[in-house]
Amino acid sequence: MIMAKNNAKVMRPVHFTEAMKIISAAFQHRERIDIKVWVSDGRIDHLQGWLVQGEYWRKGYVRFRNPSNGQIRLYPEIFIHEVDGHRIYL
């Protein structure tokens, strides 16, 4: 964690593989996770408090489930650009 000029806490960026480990740990421990994902039409989906439903590491996709209504969304791993406040770099 880094302190910005305005004394706001800024989470340190993480590498793509470390971000995938965070997602995998959330899947194994059934923890809720906050994700920001680019969508193919250019907008950003912000999934707050979603669960990791499953991961297809060979195909490069991750499924997320909304615990309140059961909605499931499938995203390519490479489109995920923020996990729990950590920016992702390649």
Protein backbone atom coordinates (compact mmCIF):
# COMPACT_ATOMS: atom_id res chain seq x y z
CA MET A 1 0.00 0.00 0.00
CA ILE A 2 1.31 3.43 -0.96
CA MET A 3 0.23 6.83 0.33
CA ALA A 4 -0.70 9.31 -2.40
CA LYS A 5 -0.22 13.09 -2.17
CA ASN A 6 -3.74 13.56 -0.79
CA ASN A 7 -3.11 10.95 1.96
CA ALA A 8 -5.38 8.43 0.22
CA LYS A 9 -4.30 4.82 0.37
CA VAL A 10 -3.29 3.41 -3.01
CA MET A 11 -2.94 -0.35 -3.41
CA ARG A 12 0.24 -1.51 -5.10
CA PRO A 13 -0.06 -2.95 -8.61
CA VAL A 14 0.31 -6.71 -9.00
CA HIS A 15 1.49 -8.88 -11.87
CA PHE A 16 -1.06 -10.83 -13.91
CA THR A 17 0.02 -14.19 -12.42
CA GLU A 18 -0.29 -12.86 -8.87
CA ALA A 19 -3.78 -11.56 -9.69
CA MET A 20 -4.76 -15.01 -10.96
CA LYS A 21 -3.49 -16.46 -7.66
CA ILE A 22 -5.72 -14.01 -5.76
CA ILE A 23 -8.70 -15.09 -7.86
CA SER A 24 -7.84 -18.77 -7.39
CA ALA A 25 -7.56 -18.33 -3.61
CA ALA A 26 -10.94 -16.56 -3.56
CA PHE A 27 -12.41 -19.52 -5.46
CA GLN A 28 -10.93 -22.10 -3.08
CA HIS A 29 -11.98 -20.27 0.10
CA ARG A 30 -15.37 -19.06 -1.27
CA GLU A 31 -14.48 -15.43 -0.57
CA ARG A 32 -16.15 -12.45 -2.17
CA ILE A 33 -13.98 -10.41 -4.49
CA ASP A 34 -14.07 -7.01 -6.19
CA ILE A 35 -13.16 -7.04 -9.89
CA LYS A 36 -13.00 -4.49 -12.68
CA VAL A 37 -13.22 -5.97 -16.17
CA TRP A 38 -13.10 -4.51 -19.65
CA VAL A 39 -15.98 -5.64 -21.85
CA SER A 40 -15.70 -6.13 -25.61
CA ASP A 41 -17.81 -3.03 -26.35
CA GLY A 42 -15.35 -0.81 -24.43
CA ARG A 43 -17.14 -0.25 -21.13
CA ILE A 44 -15.92 -1.41 -17.72
CA ASP A 45 -17.92 -3.79 -15.49
CA HIS A 46 -17.30 -3.37 -11.76
CA LEU A 47 -18.25 -6.53 -9.87
CA GLN A 48 -18.36 -5.77 -6.14
CA GLY A 49 -18.70 -8.66 -3.71
CA TRP A 50 -19.03 -11.37 -6.36
CA LEU A 51 -17.92 -14.98 -5.91
CA VAL A 52 -15.61 -16.86 -8.26
CA GLN A 53 -17.80 -19.63 -9.67
CA GLY A 54 -15.09 -21.41 -11.65
CA GLU A 55 -11.96 -20.91 -13.68
CA TYR A 56 -10.85 -22.39 -16.98
CA TRP A 57 -7.13 -21.81 -16.87
CA ARG A 58 -6.50 -23.65 -20.13
CA LYS A 59 -9.00 -21.56 -22.05
CA GLY A 60 -8.32 -18.35 -20.09
CA TYR A 61 -11.81 -17.61 -18.74
CA VAL A 62 -13.18 -17.00 -15.25
CA ARG A 63 -16.84 -17.26 -14.17
CA PHE A 64 -18.16 -14.92 -11.48
CA ARG A 65 -21.47 -15.32 -9.62
CA ASN A 66 -23.50 -12.60 -7.94
CA PRO A 67 -24.49 -14.00 -4.52
CA SER A 68 -27.64 -11.87 -4.24
CA ASN A 69 -29.40 -12.95 -7.44
CA GLY A 70 -27.34 -15.88 -8.79
CA GLN A 71 -26.37 -14.13 -12.02
CA ILE A 72 -23.27 -15.69 -13.63
CA ARG A 73 -20.87 -13.82 -15.93
CA LEU A 74 -17.96 -15.24 -17.90
CA TYR A 75 -14.93 -13.03 -18.67
CA PRO A 76 -11.56 -13.64 -20.32
CA GLU A 77 -8.73 -13.44 -17.78
CA ILE A 78 -6.82 -10.94 -19.87
CA PHE A 79 -9.74 -8.43 -19.67
CA ILE A 80 -9.51 -8.24 -15.85
CA HIS A 81 -7.58 -5.08 -14.98
CA GLU A 82 -8.20 -4.66 -11.24
CA VAL A 83 -8.61 -7.16 -8.38
CA ASP A 84 -9.52 -6.04 -4.84
CA GLY A 85 -8.16 -2.55 -5.52
CA HIS A 86 -4.88 -3.78 -7.06
CA ARG A 87 -4.17 -2.69 -10.64
CA ILE A 88 -2.87 -5.52 -12.85
CA TYR A 89 0.12 -5.27 -15.14
CA LEU A 90 1.43 -7.82 -17.64
